[in-house]
Amino acid sequence: MSIKSSLYSDLRALKQLLTKHSSDDNRSSIVAKNITFSLVIKGGSILSNFLLVPLTLGILDPTKYGIWITLSSIIGWFSFFDIGLSNGLRKFYTEAKVGGNIKLAREYVSTTFTLLLIILLIIDILFFIFSRFIDWTMILNCDKNMRGELSILASVVFYAFSFKFIANIISQLLIADLKTALNDFLNFLGNFLTLGFILFLKFTHKGDLLSMGLTYSIIPVIVFLVATIYLFQTRYKDVRPAFSHIDTAHIQKLFNLGFKYFFLQITAIILLTSQNLIIAQLFGPAEVTPYNIAYKYFSLIFVVYSIIISPLLPAYTQAYFSKDLDWIKRITGKFLQICYLFFFLIVIMIVFSNTFFVLWVGKTVSIPFILTLFIGLLNMMHIWNSLYLPLINGIGKIQIQLIGSVFTVILLIPLSIVLCKYTPLGISGVVLAQFLLLIPGLWLNKVQFNHLANNTARGIWNR
């Protein structure tokens, strides 16, 4: 069977499942349309992100580029301090909409909006008080003369990220209503406008780290804030947040569910962004640049795979509670074949990586082949792991993930330091550390998945 026909068969099976278990016969076609449009839109976003790298390197030298990447990664951690409330909102909002209770849906939106607004004000006030005592030049291991510039840049980036708390509400509503393509379009629009402004800066503000940081931080937030105002005046007028619709009885439910996802979110962001800080501290900010470029190189393949596999979460959830365990095992076997295809594509990317890097960013940045190899293998692991997580996360059996994530975060920094400083791997040791720490989690997820799919999950496997 060809790859094309195999993929078509997989999507047709998914469509049949959604039609069989959905009260809305149009849902399967909506999902299919969103997959198609998201592939096109995210393709544009990926292209924009790829073009942004050489354009940014044309404005900043490798050291300043590394400083920017590391700083934005650190501050990006705070964007997850919504304590999982957005994810909780998506679940409760969907339940209310399916039950036809628009009033309840608006109560959840209004209560969540208010809670996020309170959190935003608290962290902004705390940052305003304590930011003057933060020496970013020490954290980023860079020239002390940049202290004033970095202080201003950090403040702008932080406040921009904090406003994403509010903007994220509209994203969750779009996803809950199966409007993922529209959400992806807003992300693309932010990237596209950023690309245009960065191109302008290349000719007017070369070497200006502050101007570049302002552009990267503010434009995407403005896009989502404008979209939020517009959509709450039109499509989501009936659920527009209002203080009169706040119901304190929903707060505990939102926090109980949100905290579980919050811990997974915070550990995930630490794993994804701590490498930049570790590399900057051990080798200097200039070495963050080759790591970041190699990481972005493989992001293309993983984004495409994520779009294809994303419908599995609602499909697995419906199948599990409908006792259709045979379908779960059958469709997983089919998607495993797609995994093998993406493994092959990653191998091809590894083999031709050096040629691509020269064409992409020129010879100004040297990227070790061992670094490319390890990042490619890490992406293979993420792809394989994504076969099992939709079922586990979809039905909320995440206790093992929570425990494993804590141990991974605790061990990541010391293991990275050992592999970077006491082996010849250099910055590649950071990637190898994450790869080694994720192996037990992959095995545990596979075992738990098998227990759930065979209805034999007991004890910790069923929590």
Protein backbone atom coordinates (compact mmCIF):
# COMPACT_ATOMS: atom_id res chain seq x y z
CA MET A 1 0.00 0.00 0.00
CA SER A 2 1.35 3.46 -0.90
CA ILE A 3 1.95 6.12 1.71
CA LYS A 4 -0.79 8.27 0.22
CA SER A 5 -3.41 5.52 0.27
CA SER A 6 -2.36 4.47 3.78
CA LEU A 7 -2.77 8.03 5.08
CA TYR A 8 -6.14 8.31 3.31
CA SER A 9 -7.24 5.08 4.95
CA ASP A 10 -6.21 6.39 8.38
CA LEU A 11 -8.11 9.64 7.95
CA ARG A 12 -11.16 7.81 6.63
CA ALA A 13 -11.13 5.53 9.69
CA LEU A 14 -10.90 8.59 11.91
CA LYS A 15 -13.80 10.19 10.05
CA GLN A 16 -15.92 7.06 10.50
CA LEU A 17 -15.22 7.02 14.24
CA LEU A 18 -16.10 10.69 14.68
CA THR A 19 -19.31 10.24 12.69
CA LYS A 20 -20.26 7.12 14.61
CA HIS A 21 -19.84 8.59 18.08
CA SER A 22 -20.70 12.24 17.44
CA SER A 23 -24.08 13.82 17.83
CA ASP A 24 -23.01 16.22 15.11
CA ASP A 25 -22.62 14.49 11.71
CA ASN A 26 -20.70 17.52 10.39
CA ARG A 27 -17.89 17.15 12.90
CA SER A 28 -15.84 14.74 10.82
CA SER A 29 -15.91 17.07 7.80
CA ILE A 30 -15.04 20.03 10.05
CA VAL A 31 -12.05 18.13 11.45
CA ALA A 32 -10.91 17.19 7.93
CA LYS A 33 -11.20 20.81 6.74
CA ASN A 34 -9.25 22.06 9.74
CA ILE A 35 -6.47 19.55 9.07
CA THR A 36 -6.26 20.71 5.44
CA PHE A 37 -6.35 24.43 6.21
CA SER A 38 -3.98 24.05 9.17
CA LEU A 39 -1.44 22.29 6.98
CA VAL A 40 -1.50 25.23 4.55
CA ILE A 41 -1.56 27.95 7.23
CA LYS A 42 1.07 26.35 9.43
CA GLY A 43 3.16 25.83 6.33
CA GLY A 44 3.11 29.62 5.95
CA SER A 45 4.00 30.06 9.62
CA ILE A 46 6.90 27.63 9.31
CA LEU A 47 8.16 29.46 6.22
CA SER A 48 7.91 32.77 8.08
CA ASN A 49 9.83 31.37 11.05
CA PHE A 50 12.54 29.99 8.77
CA LEU A 51 12.89 33.33 7.01
CA LEU A 52 13.02 35.17 10.33
CA VAL A 53 16.22 33.35 11.35
CA PRO A 54 18.50 34.63 8.54
CA LEU A 55 16.81 38.05 8.66
CA THR A 56 17.41 38.33 12.41
CA LEU A 57 21.00 37.18 11.99
CA GLY A 58 21.31 39.94 9.40
CA ILE A 59 20.38 42.46 12.11
CA LEU A 60 22.15 40.93 15.11
CA ASP A 61 25.48 39.17 15.47
CA PRO A 62 25.45 35.57 16.84
CA THR A 63 26.07 36.79 20.42
CA LYS A 64 23.13 39.20 20.45
CA TYR A 65 20.94 36.64 18.70
CA GLY A 66 21.81 34.12 21.42
CA ILE A 67 21.03 36.72 24.10
CA TRP A 68 17.61 37.36 22.56
CA ILE A 69 16.73 33.66 22.24
CA THR A 70 17.79 32.93 25.82
CA LEU A 71 16.03 35.97 27.31
CA SER A 72 12.76 35.29 25.49
CA SER A 73 12.94 31.63 26.52
CA ILE A 74 13.33 32.51 30.20
CA ILE A 75 10.50 35.04 30.19
CA GLY A 76 8.39 32.65 28.12
CA TRP A 77 8.16 30.44 31.21
CA PHE A 78 5.81 32.99 32.78
CA SER A 79 3.27 32.59 29.97
CA PHE A 80 2.35 29.25 31.54
CA PHE A 81 1.47 30.80 34.88
CA ASP A 82 -2.20 30.75 33.97
CA ILE A 83 -2.12 27.65 36.23
CA GLY A 84 -3.79 25.53 33.55
CA LEU A 85 -6.98 27.61 33.72
CA SER A 86 -7.20 27.95 29.93
CA ASN A 87 -7.14 24.19 29.47
CA GLY A 88 -9.76 23.80 32.17
CA LEU A 89 -11.92 26.41 30.45
CA ARG A 90 -11.77 24.52 27.16
CA LYS A 91 -13.09 21.34 28.77
CA PHE A 92 -15.93 22.97 30.76
CA TYR A 93 -16.86 25.33 27.94
CA THR A 94 -17.22 22.37 25.57
CA GLU A 95 -19.42 20.49 28.03
CA ALA A 96 -21.69 23.51 28.45
CA LYS A 97 -21.95 24.15 24.70
CA VAL A 98 -22.70 20.50 23.94
CA GLY A 99 -25.45 20.59 26.58
CA GLY A 100 -26.90 23.73 24.98
CA ASN A 101 -26.31 25.79 28.14
CA ILE A 102 -24.93 29.06 26.76
CA LYS A 103 -25.47 30.80 30.10
CA LEU A 104 -23.19 28.27 31.83
CA ALA A 105 -20.61 28.61 29.04
CA ARG A 106 -20.56 32.38 29.56
CA GLU A 107 -20.14 31.91 33.31
CA TYR A 108 -17.07 29.75 32.73
CA VAL A 109 -15.61 32.27 30.26
CA SER A 110 -16.29 35.22 32.58
CA THR A 111 -14.93 33.45 35.67
CA THR A 112 -11.79 32.30 33.87
CA PHE A 113 -11.25 35.73 32.34
CA THR A 114 -11.45 37.35 35.77
CA LEU A 115 -9.10 34.84 37.37
CA LEU A 116 -6.54 35.34 34.59
CA LEU A 117 -6.87 39.11 34.89
CA ILE A 118 -6.12 38.90 38.62
CA ILE A 119 -3.10 36.66 37.96
CA LEU A 120 -1.88 39.06 35.24
CA LEU A 121 -2.07 42.05 37.58
CA ILE A 122 -0.28 40.21 40.39
CA ILE A 123 2.67 39.02 38.32
CA ASP A 124 2.99 42.38 36.53
CA ILE A 125 3.11 44.21 39.87
CA LEU A 126 5.64 41.74 41.30
CA PHE A 127 7.82 42.03 38.19
CA PHE A 128 7.66 45.83 38.37
CA ILE A 129 8.84 45.72 42.01
CA PHE A 130 11.60 43.14 41.69
CA SER A 131 12.85 43.63 38.11
CA ARG A 132 15.10 46.52 39.15
CA PHE A 133 17.12 44.06 41.26
CA ILE A 134 17.66 41.59 38.39
CA ASP A 135 21.00 41.73 36.61
CA TRP A 136 20.26 40.18 33.22
CA THR A 137 23.89 40.47 32.15
CA MET A 138 24.82 38.01 34.90
CA ILE A 139 21.97 35.63 34.07
CA LEU A 140 22.81 35.71 30.36
CA ASN A 141 26.58 35.78 30.88
CA CYS A 142 27.12 38.80 28.65
CA ASP A 143 28.72 42.28 28.59
CA LYS A 144 27.92 44.37 31.70
CA ASN A 145 27.49 47.44 29.49
CA MET A 146 24.23 45.93 28.17
CA ARG A 147 22.54 45.98 31.58
CA GLY A 148 20.30 49.01 30.88
CA GLU A 149 19.28 47.82 27.41
CA LEU A 150 18.50 44.29 28.63
CA SER A 151 16.48 45.62 31.57
CA ILE A 152 14.19 47.56 29.22
CA LEU A 153 13.96 44.67 26.77
CA ALA A 154 13.14 42.17 29.53
CA SER A 155 10.33 44.41 30.82
CA VAL A 156 8.75 44.77 27.39
CA VAL A 157 8.97 41.06 26.64
CA PHE A 158 7.57 40.15 30.07
CA TYR A 159 4.54 42.44 29.83
CA ALA A 160 3.86 41.24 26.29
CA PHE A 161 3.93 37.61 27.44
CA SER A 162 1.66 38.40 30.38
CA PHE A 163 -1.00 39.86 28.09
CA LYS A 164 -1.04 36.55 26.24
CA PHE A 165 -2.91 35.24 29.29
CA ILE A 166 -5.97 37.15 28.14
CA ALA A 167 -5.41 36.52 24.43
CA ASN A 168 -5.14 32.80 25.11
CA ILE A 169 -8.84 32.64 26.07
CA ILE A 170 -9.97 33.21 22.50
CA SER A 171 -7.53 30.54 21.31
CA GLN A 172 -9.08 27.97 23.65
CA LEU A 173 -12.61 28.84 22.52
CA LEU A 174 -11.62 28.48 18.86
CA ILE A 175 -10.01 25.10 19.52
CA ALA A 176 -13.02 23.92 21.55
CA ASP A 177 -15.32 24.87 18.67
CA LEU A 178 -13.09 23.01 16.16
CA LYS A 179 -11.92 26.30 14.64
CA THR A 180 -8.27 25.35 14.91
CA ALA A 181 -7.51 26.62 11.41
CA LEU A 182 -8.67 30.13 12.41
CA ASN A 183 -6.46 29.99 15.50
CA ASP A 184 -3.55 28.89 13.33
CA PHE A 185 -4.27 31.78 10.95
CA LEU A 186 -3.97 34.29 13.79
CA ASN A 187 -0.57 32.82 14.68
CA PHE A 188 0.45 32.99 11.02
CA LEU A 189 -0.69 36.62 10.76
CA GLY A 190 1.42 37.52 13.79
CA ASN A 191 4.46 35.80 12.25
CA PHE A 192 3.89 37.38 8.84
CA LEU A 193 3.61 40.91 10.24
CA THR A 194 6.66 40.32 12.41
CA LEU A 195 8.56 39.20 9.32
CA GLY A 196 7.64 42.43 7.54
CA PHE A 197 8.78 44.63 10.42
CA ILE A 198 12.02 42.65 10.86
CA LEU A 199 12.74 43.16 7.16
CA PHE A 200 12.27 46.90 7.71
CA LEU A 201 14.62 46.84 10.72
CA LYS A 202 17.32 45.15 8.66
CA PHE A 203 17.72 48.36 6.67
CA THR A 204 17.06 50.89 9.44
CA HIS A 205 18.12 49.46 12.83
CA LYS A 206 20.96 47.02 12.15
CA GLY A 207 22.44 45.72 15.40
CA ASP A 208 19.58 47.16 17.49
CA LEU A 209 18.63 44.38 19.92
CA LEU A 210 15.93 46.45 21.63
CA SER A 211 14.03 47.31 18.43
CA MET A 212 14.18 43.71 17.27
CA GLY A 213 12.91 42.44 20.63
CA LEU A 214 10.04 44.94 20.65
CA THR A 215 8.96 43.77 17.21
CA TYR A 216 9.08 40.07 18.08
CA SER A 217 7.21 40.55 21.36
CA ILE A 218 4.49 43.10 20.69
CA ILE A 219 3.16 42.38 17.20
CA PRO A 220 1.83 38.81 17.80
CA VAL A 221 0.16 39.95 21.04
CA ILE A 222 -1.53 42.87 19.27
CA VAL A 223 -2.90 40.49 16.63
CA PHE A 224 -4.52 38.26 19.25
CA LEU A 225 -5.82 41.15 21.36
CA VAL A 226 -7.49 42.73 18.31
CA ALA A 227 -8.91 39.32 17.35
CA THR A 228 -10.18 38.83 20.90
CA ILE A 229 -12.05 42.15 20.89
CA TYR A 230 -13.51 41.51 17.43
CA LEU A 231 -14.60 37.91 18.06
CA PHE A 232 -16.23 38.75 21.39
CA GLN A 233 -18.24 41.42 19.52
CA THR A 234 -19.29 38.99 16.78
CA ARG A 235 -18.93 35.20 16.81
CA TYR A 236 -18.61 34.88 20.60
CA LYS A 237 -20.95 37.71 21.58
CA ASP A 238 -23.17 35.30 23.57
CA VAL A 239 -20.28 34.19 25.79
CA ARG A 240 -18.47 37.52 26.05
CA PRO A 241 -16.92 37.85 29.53
CA ALA A 242 -18.76 40.11 31.93
CA PHE A 243 -18.33 40.65 35.67
CA SER A 244 -22.07 40.09 36.12
CA HIS A 245 -21.64 36.50 34.88
CA ILE A 246 -18.87 35.51 37.29
CA ASP A 247 -19.82 32.46 39.36
CA THR A 248 -17.46 31.70 42.25
CA ALA A 249 -18.87 28.18 42.44
CA HIS A 250 -16.87 27.34 39.29
CA ILE A 251 -13.52 28.46 40.69
CA GLN A 252 -12.69 25.23 42.51
CA LYS A 253 -13.54 23.08 39.49
CA LEU A 254 -11.41 25.24 37.23
CA PHE A 255 -8.45 25.14 39.60
CA ASN A 256 -8.70 21.41 40.36
CA LEU A 257 -8.47 20.46 36.70
CA GLY A 258 -6.19 23.32 35.78
CA PHE A 259 -3.51 22.51 38.35
CA LYS A 260 -2.98 19.04 36.86
CA TYR A 261 -2.35 20.44 33.41
CA PHE A 262 -0.34 23.30 34.87
CA PHE A 263 2.29 20.95 36.28
CA LEU A 264 2.60 19.21 32.93
CA GLN A 265 2.83 22.58 31.17
CA ILE A 266 5.48 24.00 33.46
CA THR A 267 7.69 20.92 33.27
CA ALA A 268 7.30 20.86 29.49
CA ILE A 269 8.33 24.51 29.13
CA ILE A 270 11.31 23.96 31.41
CA LEU A 271 12.44 21.02 29.29
CA LEU A 272 11.98 22.99 26.08
CA THR A 273 13.64 26.25 27.12
CA SER A 274 16.13 25.45 29.87
CA GLN A 275 18.66 24.23 27.32
CA ASN A 276 19.16 27.80 26.09
CA LEU A 277 19.99 29.00 29.60
CA ILE A 278 22.27 26.04 30.34
CA ILE A 279 24.21 26.57 27.10
CA ALA A 280 24.47 30.34 27.72
CA GLN A 281 25.84 29.76 31.22
CA LEU A 282 28.31 27.04 30.26
CA PHE A 283 29.50 28.27 26.86
CA GLY A 284 28.25 31.85 26.42
CA PRO A 285 25.18 33.18 24.55
CA ALA A 286 26.82 32.86 21.12
CA GLU A 287 26.60 29.05 21.40
CA VAL A 288 22.81 29.25 21.82
CA THR A 289 22.58 30.26 18.16
CA PRO A 290 23.68 26.94 16.54
CA TYR A 291 21.50 24.98 18.97
CA ASN A 292 18.47 27.13 18.18
CA ILE A 293 19.00 26.93 14.41
CA ALA A 294 19.31 23.13 14.50
CA TYR A 295 16.21 22.92 16.70
CA LYS A 296 14.18 25.08 14.30
CA TYR A 297 15.36 22.91 11.40
CA PHE A 298 13.58 19.86 12.78
CA SER A 299 10.53 21.81 13.94
CA LEU A 300 9.18 21.58 10.38
CA ILE A 301 8.79 17.81 10.45
CA PHE A 302 7.32 17.69 13.94
CA VAL A 303 4.73 20.41 13.23
CA VAL A 304 3.50 18.55 10.14
CA TYR A 305 3.27 15.31 12.12
CA SER A 306 1.44 17.09 14.96
CA ILE A 307 -1.21 18.40 12.57
CA ILE A 308 -1.84 14.92 11.21
CA ILE A 309 -2.06 13.23 14.59
CA SER A 310 -3.90 15.96 16.54
CA PRO A 311 -7.41 14.55 15.84
CA LEU A 312 -6.46 11.42 17.78
CA LEU A 313 -7.07 13.04 21.19
CA PRO A 314 -10.85 13.60 20.80
CA ALA A 315 -11.20 10.41 18.76
CA TYR A 316 -9.42 8.27 21.37
CA THR A 317 -11.48 9.87 24.14
CA GLN A 318 -14.75 9.05 22.40
CA ALA A 319 -13.64 5.52 21.54
CA TYR A 320 -12.46 4.76 25.09
CA PHE A 321 -15.69 5.83 26.78
CA SER A 322 -17.66 4.04 24.06
CA LYS A 323 -15.75 0.83 24.89
CA ASP A 324 -14.41 0.68 21.32
CA LEU A 325 -10.97 -0.49 22.44
CA ASP A 326 -10.38 -2.55 19.31
CA TRP A 327 -10.49 0.61 17.21
CA ILE A 328 -7.93 2.26 19.44
CA LYS A 329 -5.48 -0.60 18.97
CA ARG A 330 -6.18 -0.84 15.25
CA ILE A 331 -5.79 2.88 14.50
CA THR A 332 -2.64 3.05 16.64
CA GLY A 333 -1.10 0.34 14.49
CA LYS A 334 -1.90 2.36 11.37
CA PHE A 335 -0.45 5.56 12.78
CA LEU A 336 2.67 3.65 13.78
CA GLN A 337 3.29 3.15 10.06
CA ILE A 338 3.08 6.92 9.60
CA CYS A 339 5.62 7.26 12.42
CA TYR A 340 8.05 5.11 10.44
CA LEU A 341 7.60 7.41 7.45
CA PHE A 342 8.52 10.44 9.55
CA PHE A 343 11.49 8.57 11.04
CA PHE A 344 12.75 8.06 7.50
CA LEU A 345 12.25 11.76 6.68
CA ILE A 346 14.21 12.75 9.80
CA VAL A 347 17.09 10.49 8.74
CA ILE A 348 17.11 12.25 5.35
CA MET A 349 17.15 15.63 7.10
CA ILE A 350 20.08 14.56 9.25
CA VAL A 351 22.09 13.35 6.23
CA PHE A 352 21.60 16.57 4.26
CA SER A 353 21.59 18.96 7.23
CA ASN A 354 24.96 20.62 6.57
CA THR A 355 24.01 21.47 2.99
CA PHE A 356 20.68 22.90 4.12
CA PHE A 357 22.25 25.00 6.88
CA VAL A 358 24.66 26.63 4.42
CA LEU A 359 21.78 27.46 2.06
CA TRP A 360 19.61 28.69 4.92
CA VAL A 361 21.88 30.82 7.12
CA GLY A 362 25.15 30.80 5.19
CA LYS A 363 28.51 30.03 6.76
CA THR A 364 28.29 32.57 9.58
CA VAL A 365 27.14 29.90 12.06
CA SER A 366 28.83 26.51 12.44
CA ILE A 367 26.51 23.70 13.57
CA PRO A 368 28.16 20.46 14.76
CA PHE A 369 26.81 17.34 13.04
CA ILE A 370 26.58 15.51 16.38
CA LEU A 371 24.19 18.25 17.59
CA THR A 372 22.00 17.78 14.53
CA LEU A 373 22.03 14.00 15.04
CA PHE A 374 20.95 14.18 18.68
CA ILE A 375 18.16 16.70 17.97
CA GLY A 376 16.92 14.46 15.16
CA LEU A 377 16.84 11.45 17.49
CA LEU A 378 15.05 13.51 20.13
CA ASN A 379 12.36 14.41 17.60
CA MET A 380 11.96 10.73 16.74
CA MET A 381 11.29 10.05 20.41
CA HIS A 382 8.69 12.82 20.62
CA ILE A 383 6.93 11.46 17.53
CA TRP A 384 6.87 7.92 18.93
CA ASN A 385 5.66 9.17 22.32
CA SER A 386 2.80 11.08 20.67
CA LEU A 387 1.17 7.78 19.73
CA TYR A 388 0.34 7.08 23.38
CA LEU A 389 -0.23 10.51 24.92
CA PRO A 390 -3.55 11.38 23.17
CA LEU A 391 -5.36 8.50 24.90
CA ILE A 392 -3.69 9.09 28.28
CA ASN A 393 -4.24 12.86 28.25
CA GLY A 394 -7.65 12.65 26.64
CA ILE A 395 -9.15 10.63 29.50
CA GLY A 396 -7.15 12.43 32.20
CA LYS A 397 -4.97 9.52 33.43
CA ILE A 398 -1.87 11.70 33.90
CA GLN A 399 -0.60 10.74 37.38
CA ILE A 400 2.41 8.81 36.01
CA GLN A 401 3.28 11.71 33.69
CA LEU A 402 3.20 14.16 36.59
CA ILE A 403 5.58 12.05 38.68
CA GLY A 404 7.91 11.37 35.76
CA SER A 405 8.02 15.03 34.75
CA VAL A 406 9.16 16.09 38.22
CA PHE A 407 12.07 13.64 38.20
CA THR A 408 13.03 14.66 34.66
CA VAL A 409 13.17 18.35 35.56
CA ILE A 410 15.19 17.68 38.72
CA LEU A 411 17.78 15.59 36.88
CA LEU A 412 17.99 17.61 33.65
CA ILE A 413 20.36 20.37 34.77
CA PRO A 414 22.93 18.22 36.64
CA LEU A 415 23.00 15.61 33.87
CA SER A 416 23.35 18.32 31.21
CA ILE A 417 26.27 19.88 33.08
CA VAL A 418 28.03 16.53 33.42
CA LEU A 419 27.61 15.66 29.73
CA CYS A 420 28.59 19.15 28.55
CA LYS A 421 31.62 19.77 30.80
CA TYR A 422 33.05 16.30 31.32
CA THR A 423 32.61 14.77 27.88
CA PRO A 424 33.73 15.97 24.42
CA LEU A 425 30.09 16.52 23.39
CA GLY A 426 30.01 20.24 24.20
CA ILE A 427 26.55 21.81 23.70
CA SER A 428 25.29 18.50 22.27
CA GLY A 429 25.37 17.11 25.81
CA VAL A 430 22.28 19.17 26.65
CA VAL A 431 20.26 17.38 23.98
CA LEU A 432 21.60 13.95 24.94
CA ALA A 433 20.62 14.59 28.57
CA GLN A 434 17.02 15.25 27.60
CA PHE A 435 16.97 12.23 25.30
CA LEU A 436 18.20 9.89 28.05
CA LEU A 437 15.75 11.26 30.62
CA LEU A 438 12.77 10.81 28.28
CA ILE A 439 13.43 7.11 27.65
CA PRO A 440 11.79 5.91 30.92
CA GLY A 441 8.79 8.15 30.27
CA LEU A 442 8.32 6.70 26.79
CA TRP A 443 8.36 3.16 28.19
CA LEU A 444 5.91 4.05 30.99
CA ASN A 445 3.54 5.76 28.56
CA LYS A 446 3.59 2.73 26.26
CA VAL A 447 2.86 0.35 29.16
CA GLN A 448 0.04 2.52 30.47
CA PHE A 449 -1.41 2.88 26.97
CA ASN A 450 -1.46 -0.91 26.55
CA HIS A 451 -3.19 -1.33 29.92
CA LEU A 452 -5.82 1.26 29.03
CA ALA A 453 -6.37 -0.08 25.52
CA ASN A 454 -6.80 -3.62 26.89
CA ASN A 455 -8.98 -2.52 29.84
CA THR A 456 -6.45 -3.92 32.32
CA ALA A 457 -5.35 -0.62 33.91
CA ARG A 458 -5.32 -0.84 37.71
CA GLY A 459 -3.81 1.29 40.48
CA ILE A 460 -1.34 3.93 39.30
CA TRP A 461 -1.91 2.94 35.66
CA ASN A 462 -5.53 4.09 35.94
CA ARG A 463 -4.97 7.45 37.67
